[in-house]
Amino acid sequence: MRDMHNRNIRVDDLREKIDLSKFRHSITSRVRTYDVDRQNIVHNAVYLYWLEVGRVEYFRTIGLPIDAQTFITKHHFVVAHVDINYLGAARFDDEYEVLTRTTFMKNSSFGMEQLIRLTNGDVLLIASAVIVNLNPARQTSERIPDSYRKLVRELEGADVNMLDDSEKA
């Protein structure tokens, strides 16, 4: 495998770098018939949906009220970048788990790390994403509210790197 910077990546090296103790949020589901292709494996684009579900449920867990307007008018978080390393494949009826955590928070963006694995422990993919807080009226980035920062800190503790100098202690 090669990453975006053309460095060789060994699958075993990626697996060894995973510290599962830092993931405080997970959801479990099962591969459905519509998730698999004609080879009976989950299509690579489907994993993006699973990652999104993991992020939304993470937001719900930290205390954001989730309704039809949550990501339209209340919390306009948009995915700016996703990096995925596929390490294995899921098949129909496999049970899987999506683990999600916030790794850093800047002024108007934050990073999330996610992992999808089968419930037997086999890691299927490792992903990282950069999410931007967008002002819906102006369509420009804006500072992440302190209330959201507090919710993330309460779940993640010292494992989230707060990089915004203006953050109140």
N, C-alpha and C. Protein backbone atom coordinates (compact mmCIF):
# COMPACT_ATOMS: atom_id res chain seq x y z
N MET A 1 0.83 -1.18 0.00
CA MET A 1 0.00 0.00 0.00
C MET A 1 0.87 1.24 0.00
N ARG A 2 0.36 2.30 -0.55
CA ARG A 2 1.06 3.58 -0.50
C ARG A 2 0.09 4.62 0.02
N ASP A 3 0.60 5.54 0.86
CA ASP A 3 -0.27 6.62 1.33
C ASP A 3 -0.13 7.80 0.38
N MET A 4 -0.74 8.93 0.74
CA MET A 4 -0.77 10.09 -0.15
C MET A 4 0.60 10.72 -0.34
N HIS A 5 1.58 10.38 0.50
CA HIS A 5 2.90 10.97 0.39
C HIS A 5 3.91 9.99 -0.20
N ASN A 6 3.43 8.94 -0.83
CA ASN A 6 4.25 7.94 -1.50
C ASN A 6 5.25 7.24 -0.59
N ARG A 7 4.93 7.10 0.69
CA ARG A 7 5.76 6.31 1.59
C ARG A 7 5.16 4.92 1.64
N ASN A 8 6.03 3.94 1.72
CA ASN A 8 5.53 2.57 1.86
C ASN A 8 4.88 2.40 3.22
N ILE A 9 3.71 1.78 3.23
CA ILE A 9 3.00 1.50 4.47
C ILE A 9 2.79 -0.01 4.54
N ARG A 10 3.20 -0.60 5.62
CA ARG A 10 2.94 -2.01 5.85
C ARG A 10 1.68 -2.14 6.69
N VAL A 11 0.82 -3.06 6.32
CA VAL A 11 -0.44 -3.27 7.04
C VAL A 11 -0.15 -3.57 8.51
N ASP A 12 0.83 -4.39 8.77
CA ASP A 12 1.16 -4.72 10.17
C ASP A 12 1.58 -3.48 10.94
N ASP A 13 2.32 -2.57 10.30
CA ASP A 13 2.73 -1.33 10.97
C ASP A 13 1.52 -0.50 11.36
N LEU A 14 0.53 -0.42 10.47
CA LEU A 14 -0.68 0.33 10.77
C LEU A 14 -1.42 -0.29 11.96
N ARG A 15 -1.55 -1.59 11.94
CA ARG A 15 -2.25 -2.27 13.03
C ARG A 15 -1.53 -2.06 14.36
N GLU A 16 -0.21 -2.08 14.34
CA GLU A 16 0.57 -1.91 15.57
C GLU A 16 0.44 -0.50 16.15
N LYS A 17 0.14 0.49 15.32
CA LYS A 17 0.04 1.87 15.77
C LYS A 17 -1.30 2.18 16.45
N ILE A 18 -2.24 1.28 16.35
CA ILE A 18 -3.58 1.51 16.88
C ILE A 18 -3.57 1.34 18.40
N ASP A 19 -4.00 2.38 19.10
CA ASP A 19 -4.17 2.31 20.55
C ASP A 19 -5.66 2.32 20.82
N LEU A 20 -6.23 1.13 20.95
CA LEU A 20 -7.68 1.00 21.12
C LEU A 20 -8.18 1.65 22.41
N SER A 21 -7.31 1.82 23.39
CA SER A 21 -7.74 2.42 24.65
C SER A 21 -8.13 3.89 24.50
N LYS A 22 -7.71 4.52 23.40
CA LYS A 22 -8.05 5.93 23.18
C LYS A 22 -9.43 6.12 22.55
N PHE A 23 -10.02 5.05 22.07
CA PHE A 23 -11.36 5.13 21.47
C PHE A 23 -12.40 4.93 22.55
N ARG A 24 -13.17 5.98 22.83
CA ARG A 24 -14.19 5.90 23.87
C ARG A 24 -15.60 5.83 23.29
N HIS A 25 -15.67 5.75 21.96
CA HIS A 25 -16.99 5.65 21.33
C HIS A 25 -16.96 4.57 20.26
N SER A 26 -18.00 3.75 20.24
CA SER A 26 -18.12 2.75 19.19
C SER A 26 -19.60 2.44 18.95
N ILE A 27 -19.87 2.00 17.75
CA ILE A 27 -21.19 1.50 17.39
C ILE A 27 -20.99 0.15 16.70
N THR A 28 -21.98 -0.69 16.77
CA THR A 28 -21.91 -2.01 16.16
C THR A 28 -23.08 -2.17 15.20
N SER A 29 -22.81 -2.82 14.07
CA SER A 29 -23.87 -3.10 13.10
C SER A 29 -23.51 -4.38 12.36
N ARG A 30 -24.28 -4.66 11.35
CA ARG A 30 -24.08 -5.89 10.57
C ARG A 30 -24.14 -5.55 9.09
N VAL A 31 -23.33 -6.21 8.28
CA VAL A 31 -23.31 -5.99 6.84
C VAL A 31 -24.63 -6.45 6.25
N ARG A 32 -25.27 -5.57 5.50
CA ARG A 32 -26.56 -5.85 4.87
C ARG A 32 -26.36 -6.27 3.41
N THR A 33 -27.41 -6.79 2.82
CA THR A 33 -27.31 -7.24 1.43
C THR A 33 -26.94 -6.10 0.49
N TYR A 34 -27.45 -4.91 0.75
CA TYR A 34 -27.18 -3.77 -0.14
C TYR A 34 -25.78 -3.18 0.05
N ASP A 35 -25.04 -3.66 1.06
CA ASP A 35 -23.67 -3.18 1.28
C ASP A 35 -22.64 -3.91 0.42
N VAL A 36 -22.99 -5.09 -0.09
CA VAL A 36 -22.00 -5.91 -0.78
C VAL A 36 -22.18 -5.83 -2.30
N ASP A 37 -21.07 -6.09 -2.98
CA ASP A 37 -21.10 -6.10 -4.44
C ASP A 37 -21.24 -7.55 -4.92
N ARG A 38 -21.04 -7.77 -6.21
CA ARG A 38 -21.23 -9.11 -6.76
C ARG A 38 -20.15 -10.09 -6.32
N GLN A 39 -19.09 -9.60 -5.70
CA GLN A 39 -18.06 -10.49 -5.15
C GLN A 39 -18.36 -10.84 -3.69
N ASN A 40 -19.51 -10.37 -3.19
CA ASN A 40 -19.96 -10.58 -1.82
C ASN A 40 -19.05 -9.90 -0.79
N ILE A 41 -18.39 -8.83 -1.20
CA ILE A 41 -17.62 -8.03 -0.24
C ILE A 41 -18.19 -6.62 -0.22
N VAL A 42 -17.99 -5.94 0.89
CA VAL A 42 -18.50 -4.58 1.03
C VAL A 42 -17.76 -3.68 0.05
N HIS A 43 -18.52 -2.93 -0.72
CA HIS A 43 -17.94 -1.99 -1.69
C HIS A 43 -17.22 -0.89 -0.92
N ASN A 44 -16.07 -0.45 -1.44
CA ASN A 44 -15.25 0.53 -0.70
C ASN A 44 -15.99 1.83 -0.39
N ALA A 45 -16.92 2.24 -1.21
CA ALA A 45 -17.67 3.47 -0.95
C ALA A 45 -18.61 3.33 0.24
N VAL A 46 -19.07 2.11 0.53
CA VAL A 46 -19.99 1.88 1.64
C VAL A 46 -19.32 2.22 2.96
N TYR A 47 -18.03 1.98 3.06
CA TYR A 47 -17.32 2.29 4.30
C TYR A 47 -17.42 3.78 4.65
N LEU A 48 -17.49 4.64 3.64
CA LEU A 48 -17.66 6.07 3.91
C LEU A 48 -18.98 6.35 4.63
N TYR A 49 -20.03 5.63 4.24
CA TYR A 49 -21.32 5.77 4.94
C TYR A 49 -21.19 5.30 6.38
N TRP A 50 -20.52 4.19 6.59
CA TRP A 50 -20.35 3.67 7.95
C TRP A 50 -19.55 4.66 8.81
N LEU A 51 -18.53 5.28 8.22
CA LEU A 51 -17.75 6.29 8.95
C LEU A 51 -18.64 7.47 9.33
N GLU A 52 -19.50 7.89 8.42
CA GLU A 52 -20.42 9.00 8.70
C GLU A 52 -21.38 8.65 9.83
N VAL A 53 -21.91 7.44 9.82
CA VAL A 53 -22.79 7.01 10.91
C VAL A 53 -22.02 7.04 12.23
N GLY A 54 -20.78 6.59 12.21
CA GLY A 54 -19.96 6.64 13.43
C GLY A 54 -19.78 8.05 13.94
N ARG A 55 -19.55 9.00 13.04
CA ARG A 55 -19.38 10.40 13.45
C ARG A 55 -20.67 10.98 14.01
N VAL A 56 -21.79 10.72 13.34
CA VAL A 56 -23.08 11.25 13.82
C VAL A 56 -23.40 10.68 15.20
N GLU A 57 -23.19 9.39 15.39
CA GLU A 57 -23.47 8.78 16.69
C GLU A 57 -22.50 9.28 17.76
N TYR A 58 -21.28 9.59 17.36
CA TYR A 58 -20.32 10.22 18.28
C TYR A 58 -20.88 11.55 18.78
N PHE A 59 -21.38 12.37 17.83
CA PHE A 59 -21.96 13.67 18.20
C PHE A 59 -23.13 13.48 19.16
N ARG A 60 -23.97 12.49 18.89
CA ARG A 60 -25.12 12.21 19.76
C ARG A 60 -24.62 11.81 21.16
N THR A 61 -23.59 10.98 21.21
CA THR A 61 -23.06 10.51 22.49
C THR A 61 -22.49 11.64 23.34
N ILE A 62 -21.83 12.61 22.70
CA ILE A 62 -21.25 13.69 23.50
C ILE A 62 -22.31 14.69 23.95
N GLY A 63 -23.51 14.61 23.38
CA GLY A 63 -24.59 15.47 23.88
C GLY A 63 -25.20 16.43 22.88
N LEU A 64 -24.82 16.34 21.61
CA LEU A 64 -25.49 17.19 20.62
C LEU A 64 -26.88 16.61 20.35
N PRO A 65 -27.92 17.43 20.47
CA PRO A 65 -29.25 16.91 20.11
C PRO A 65 -29.30 16.68 18.60
N ILE A 66 -29.66 15.50 18.20
CA ILE A 66 -29.70 15.14 16.78
C ILE A 66 -31.14 15.17 16.30
N ASP A 67 -31.41 16.02 15.32
CA ASP A 67 -32.71 16.07 14.67
C ASP A 67 -32.50 16.50 13.22
N ALA A 68 -33.57 16.75 12.50
CA ALA A 68 -33.47 17.06 11.07
C ALA A 68 -32.66 18.32 10.78
N GLN A 69 -32.56 19.24 11.74
CA GLN A 69 -31.85 20.50 11.51
C GLN A 69 -30.44 20.54 12.10
N THR A 70 -30.02 19.49 12.79
CA THR A 70 -28.75 19.51 13.51
C THR A 70 -27.59 19.95 12.63
N PHE A 71 -27.42 19.33 11.48
CA PHE A 71 -26.26 19.62 10.64
C PHE A 71 -26.59 20.58 9.51
N ILE A 72 -27.77 21.18 9.56
CA ILE A 72 -28.15 22.18 8.56
C ILE A 72 -28.05 23.57 9.14
N THR A 73 -28.67 23.77 10.31
CA THR A 73 -28.69 25.12 10.89
C THR A 73 -28.00 25.22 12.25
N LYS A 74 -27.87 24.10 12.97
CA LYS A 74 -27.33 24.18 14.33
C LYS A 74 -25.82 23.95 14.38
N HIS A 75 -25.35 22.87 13.80
CA HIS A 75 -23.93 22.51 13.81
C HIS A 75 -23.56 22.16 12.37
N HIS A 76 -23.07 23.10 11.66
CA HIS A 76 -22.80 22.89 10.26
C HIS A 76 -21.36 22.39 10.08
N PHE A 77 -21.14 21.14 10.52
CA PHE A 77 -19.84 20.51 10.37
C PHE A 77 -19.79 19.85 9.00
N VAL A 78 -18.74 20.13 8.25
CA VAL A 78 -18.58 19.52 6.93
C VAL A 78 -17.24 18.80 6.87
N VAL A 79 -17.22 17.69 6.18
CA VAL A 79 -16.00 16.92 6.00
C VAL A 79 -15.16 17.61 4.94
N ALA A 80 -13.94 18.01 5.32
CA ALA A 80 -13.04 18.68 4.38
C ALA A 80 -12.01 17.72 3.79
N HIS A 81 -11.69 16.66 4.53
CA HIS A 81 -10.67 15.72 4.06
C HIS A 81 -10.87 14.37 4.76
N VAL A 82 -10.71 13.30 4.00
CA VAL A 82 -10.74 11.96 4.57
C VAL A 82 -9.57 11.18 3.98
N ASP A 83 -8.85 10.48 4.84
CA ASP A 83 -7.75 9.62 4.43
C ASP A 83 -8.07 8.22 4.94
N ILE A 84 -8.10 7.24 4.05
CA ILE A 84 -8.49 5.88 4.42
C ILE A 84 -7.41 4.89 3.99
N ASN A 85 -7.10 3.99 4.89
CA ASN A 85 -6.26 2.84 4.57
C ASN A 85 -7.12 1.60 4.73
N TYR A 86 -7.41 0.94 3.60
CA TYR A 86 -8.21 -0.29 3.62
C TYR A 86 -7.27 -1.45 3.95
N LEU A 87 -7.64 -2.24 4.95
CA LEU A 87 -6.78 -3.32 5.40
C LEU A 87 -7.41 -4.70 5.25
N GLY A 88 -8.71 -4.74 5.04
CA GLY A 88 -9.41 -6.01 4.92
C GLY A 88 -10.78 -5.77 4.33
N ALA A 89 -11.55 -6.82 4.18
CA ALA A 89 -12.88 -6.70 3.58
C ALA A 89 -13.91 -7.40 4.44
N ALA A 90 -15.07 -6.78 4.54
CA ALA A 90 -16.21 -7.39 5.22
C ALA A 90 -17.11 -8.05 4.18
N ARG A 91 -17.83 -9.05 4.62
CA ARG A 91 -18.75 -9.78 3.75
C ARG A 91 -20.15 -9.76 4.34
N PHE A 92 -21.12 -10.16 3.51
CA PHE A 92 -22.51 -10.18 3.95
C PHE A 92 -22.65 -10.86 5.30
N ASP A 93 -23.40 -10.23 6.19
CA ASP A 93 -23.79 -10.69 7.50
C ASP A 93 -22.68 -10.63 8.54
N ASP A 94 -21.49 -10.15 8.18
CA ASP A 94 -20.45 -9.93 9.19
C ASP A 94 -20.91 -8.85 10.15
N GLU A 95 -20.61 -9.03 11.42
CA GLU A 95 -20.88 -7.98 12.40
C GLU A 95 -19.61 -7.14 12.51
N TYR A 96 -19.79 -5.82 12.51
CA TYR A 96 -18.64 -4.93 12.55
C TYR A 96 -18.86 -3.82 13.57
N GLU A 97 -17.77 -3.15 13.89
CA GLU A 97 -17.78 -2.08 14.86
C GLU A 97 -17.05 -0.87 14.26
N VAL A 98 -17.62 0.32 14.47
CA VAL A 98 -16.98 1.57 14.06
C VAL A 98 -16.56 2.30 15.33
N LEU A 99 -15.27 2.52 15.48
CA LEU A 99 -14.72 3.24 16.62
C LEU A 99 -14.38 4.65 16.17
N THR A 100 -14.70 5.64 16.98
CA THR A 100 -14.52 7.04 16.58
C THR A 100 -13.97 7.83 17.76
N ARG A 101 -13.05 8.74 17.44
CA ARG A 101 -12.54 9.65 18.46
C ARG A 101 -12.11 10.96 17.82
N THR A 102 -12.14 12.02 18.61
CA THR A 102 -11.61 13.31 18.17
C THR A 102 -10.16 13.37 18.63
N THR A 103 -9.26 13.69 17.70
CA THR A 103 -7.83 13.69 18.02
C THR A 103 -7.29 15.09 18.28
N PHE A 104 -7.83 16.08 17.56
CA PHE A 104 -7.37 17.46 17.77
C PHE A 104 -8.50 18.43 17.48
N MET A 105 -8.37 19.62 18.01
CA MET A 105 -9.33 20.68 17.74
C MET A 105 -8.57 21.98 17.57
N LYS A 106 -8.78 22.61 16.43
CA LYS A 106 -8.19 23.91 16.14
C LYS A 106 -9.27 24.98 16.29
N ASN A 107 -9.04 26.14 15.72
CA ASN A 107 -10.00 27.24 15.81
C ASN A 107 -11.33 26.87 15.16
N SER A 108 -11.30 26.48 13.89
CA SER A 108 -12.54 26.20 13.17
C SER A 108 -12.62 24.78 12.61
N SER A 109 -11.65 23.95 12.93
CA SER A 109 -11.65 22.57 12.43
C SER A 109 -11.21 21.61 13.53
N PHE A 110 -11.55 20.35 13.32
CA PHE A 110 -11.11 19.32 14.25
C PHE A 110 -10.87 18.04 13.48
N GLY A 111 -10.04 17.19 14.05
CA GLY A 111 -9.70 15.93 13.41
C GLY A 111 -10.33 14.76 14.13
N MET A 112 -10.73 13.79 13.34
CA MET A 112 -11.30 12.57 13.91
C MET A 112 -10.54 11.38 13.34
N GLU A 113 -10.35 10.40 14.18
CA GLU A 113 -9.75 9.14 13.78
C GLU A 113 -10.82 8.08 13.94
N GLN A 114 -10.90 7.20 12.95
CA GLN A 114 -11.90 6.14 13.01
C GLN A 114 -11.27 4.82 12.58
N LEU A 115 -11.86 3.78 13.08
CA LEU A 115 -11.40 2.44 12.78
C LEU A 115 -12.63 1.58 12.60
N ILE A 116 -12.63 0.75 11.58
CA ILE A 116 -13.72 -0.21 11.41
C ILE A 116 -13.08 -1.59 11.51
N ARG A 117 -13.69 -2.42 12.36
CA ARG A 117 -13.18 -3.77 12.53
C ARG A 117 -14.35 -4.72 12.68
N LEU A 118 -14.09 -5.97 12.34
CA LEU A 118 -15.08 -7.00 12.60
C LEU A 118 -15.12 -7.23 14.10
N THR A 119 -16.21 -7.74 14.60
CA THR A 119 -16.31 -7.94 16.05
C THR A 119 -15.36 -9.03 16.54
N ASN A 120 -14.76 -9.80 15.63
CA ASN A 120 -13.74 -10.76 16.04
C ASN A 120 -12.37 -10.08 16.21
N GLY A 121 -12.31 -8.76 15.92
CA GLY A 121 -11.08 -8.01 16.09
C GLY A 121 -10.32 -7.70 14.82
N ASP A 122 -10.66 -8.33 13.70
CA ASP A 122 -9.95 -8.07 12.44
C ASP A 122 -10.21 -6.64 11.98
N VAL A 123 -9.15 -5.86 11.82
CA VAL A 123 -9.28 -4.46 11.41
C VAL A 123 -9.51 -4.39 9.90
N LEU A 124 -10.56 -3.67 9.51
CA LEU A 124 -10.90 -3.52 8.09
C LEU A 124 -10.33 -2.23 7.50
N LEU A 125 -10.35 -1.16 8.29
CA LEU A 125 -9.79 0.09 7.79
C LEU A 125 -9.48 1.03 8.93
N ILE A 126 -8.57 1.94 8.64
CA ILE A 126 -8.22 3.03 9.54
C ILE A 126 -8.43 4.31 8.73
N ALA A 127 -9.14 5.27 9.32
CA ALA A 127 -9.43 6.51 8.61
C ALA A 127 -9.17 7.71 9.51
N SER A 128 -8.82 8.81 8.88
CA SER A 128 -8.75 10.08 9.59
C SER A 128 -9.50 11.10 8.75
N ALA A 129 -10.12 12.05 9.44
CA ALA A 129 -10.91 13.07 8.75
C ALA A 129 -10.66 14.42 9.39
N VAL A 130 -10.75 15.45 8.58
CA VAL A 130 -10.74 16.82 9.08
C VAL A 130 -12.13 17.38 8.84
N ILE A 131 -12.74 17.88 9.91
CA ILE A 131 -14.09 18.42 9.87
C ILE A 131 -14.00 19.92 10.11
N VAL A 132 -14.73 20.71 9.33
CA VAL A 132 -14.71 22.17 9.46
C VAL A 132 -16.07 22.65 9.93
N ASN A 133 -16.05 23.59 10.87
CA ASN A 133 -17.28 24.23 11.34
C ASN A 133 -17.58 25.38 10.38
N LEU A 134 -18.67 25.28 9.66
CA LEU A 134 -18.99 26.23 8.61
C LEU A 134 -20.16 27.11 9.02
N ASN A 135 -20.04 28.41 8.76
CA ASN A 135 -21.16 29.32 8.97
C ASN A 135 -22.12 29.10 7.80
N PRO A 136 -23.34 28.61 8.04
CA PRO A 136 -24.23 28.27 6.93
C PRO A 136 -24.67 29.48 6.10
N ALA A 137 -24.75 30.65 6.71
CA ALA A 137 -25.20 31.83 5.97
C ALA A 137 -24.09 32.36 5.04
N ARG A 138 -22.87 32.39 5.54
CA ARG A 138 -21.75 32.95 4.77
C ARG A 138 -20.95 31.89 4.01
N GLN A 139 -21.14 30.61 4.37
CA GLN A 139 -20.38 29.52 3.78
C GLN A 139 -18.87 29.71 3.97
N THR A 140 -18.50 30.20 5.15
CA THR A 140 -17.10 30.35 5.52
C THR A 140 -16.89 29.66 6.87
N SER A 141 -15.66 29.28 7.12
CA SER A 141 -15.39 28.62 8.39
C SER A 141 -15.50 29.63 9.54
N GLU A 142 -15.87 29.10 10.71
CA GLU A 142 -15.96 29.95 11.89
C GLU A 142 -15.54 29.13 13.12
N ARG A 143 -15.20 29.84 14.17
CA ARG A 143 -14.69 29.21 15.38
C ARG A 143 -15.70 28.21 15.94
N ILE A 144 -15.18 27.08 16.36
CA ILE A 144 -16.01 26.05 16.99
C ILE A 144 -16.44 26.58 18.35
N PRO A 145 -17.73 26.51 18.67
CA PRO A 145 -18.22 27.05 19.95
C PRO A 145 -17.58 26.37 21.16
N ASP A 146 -17.40 27.14 22.21
CA ASP A 146 -16.84 26.61 23.46
C ASP A 146 -17.69 25.48 24.02
N SER A 147 -19.00 25.56 23.83
CA SER A 147 -19.89 24.50 24.35
C SER A 147 -19.55 23.16 23.71
N TYR A 148 -19.24 23.16 22.41
CA TYR A 148 -18.87 21.92 21.73
C TYR A 148 -17.50 21.45 22.20
N ARG A 149 -16.57 22.37 22.36
CA ARG A 149 -15.23 22.03 22.85
C ARG A 149 -15.31 21.33 24.21
N LYS A 150 -16.19 21.83 25.06
CA LYS A 150 -16.35 21.27 26.39
C LYS A 150 -16.89 19.84 26.31
N LEU A 151 -17.86 19.60 25.44
CA LEU A 151 -18.43 18.26 25.29
C LEU A 151 -17.37 17.26 24.82
N VAL A 152 -16.55 17.68 23.86
CA VAL A 152 -15.50 16.81 23.35
C VAL A 152 -14.48 16.52 24.46
N ARG A 153 -14.08 17.56 25.18
CA ARG A 153 -13.09 17.39 26.26
C ARG A 153 -13.62 16.45 27.34
N GLU A 154 -14.93 16.53 27.63
CA GLU A 154 -15.51 15.65 28.65
C GLU A 154 -15.42 14.18 28.26
N LEU A 155 -15.57 13.88 26.96
CA LEU A 155 -15.46 12.49 26.52
C LEU A 155 -14.00 12.08 26.34
N GLU A 156 -13.22 12.90 25.66
CA GLU A 156 -11.88 12.52 25.26
C GLU A 156 -10.81 12.77 26.33
N GLY A 157 -11.09 13.68 27.26
CA GLY A 157 -10.09 13.99 28.28
C GLY A 157 -8.82 14.56 27.67
N ALA A 158 -7.69 14.13 28.17
CA ALA A 158 -6.40 14.63 27.71
C ALA A 158 -5.98 14.05 26.36
N ASP A 159 -6.77 13.11 25.82
CA ASP A 159 -6.41 12.49 24.54
C ASP A 159 -6.78 13.33 23.32
N VAL A 160 -7.41 14.48 23.55
CA VAL A 160 -7.68 15.40 22.43
C VAL A 160 -6.73 16.58 22.58
N ASN A 161 -6.08 16.93 21.48
CA ASN A 161 -5.10 18.01 21.48
C ASN A 161 -5.81 19.31 21.08
N MET A 162 -5.98 20.21 22.04
CA MET A 162 -6.61 21.49 21.79
C MET A 162 -5.56 22.47 21.27
N LEU A 163 -5.67 22.87 20.02
CA LEU A 163 -4.64 23.68 19.38
C LEU A 163 -5.03 25.13 19.19
N ASP A 164 -6.19 25.54 19.68
CA ASP A 164 -6.67 26.90 19.53
C ASP A 164 -6.17 27.75 20.70
N ASP A 165 -5.30 28.71 20.42
CA ASP A 165 -4.74 29.56 21.48
C ASP A 165 -5.79 30.36 22.20
N SER A 166 -6.90 30.66 21.55
CA SER A 166 -7.90 31.50 22.18
C SER A 166 -8.86 30.71 23.07
N GLU A 167 -8.67 29.37 23.13
CA GLU A 167 -9.57 28.56 23.96
C GLU A 167 -9.42 28.95 25.43
N LYS A 168 -10.55 29.07 26.08
CA LYS A 168 -10.55 29.38 27.50
C LYS A 168 -10.28 28.14 28.30
N ALA A 169 -9.45 28.26 29.33
CA ALA A 169 -9.09 27.09 30.14
C ALA A 169 -10.23 26.66 31.04
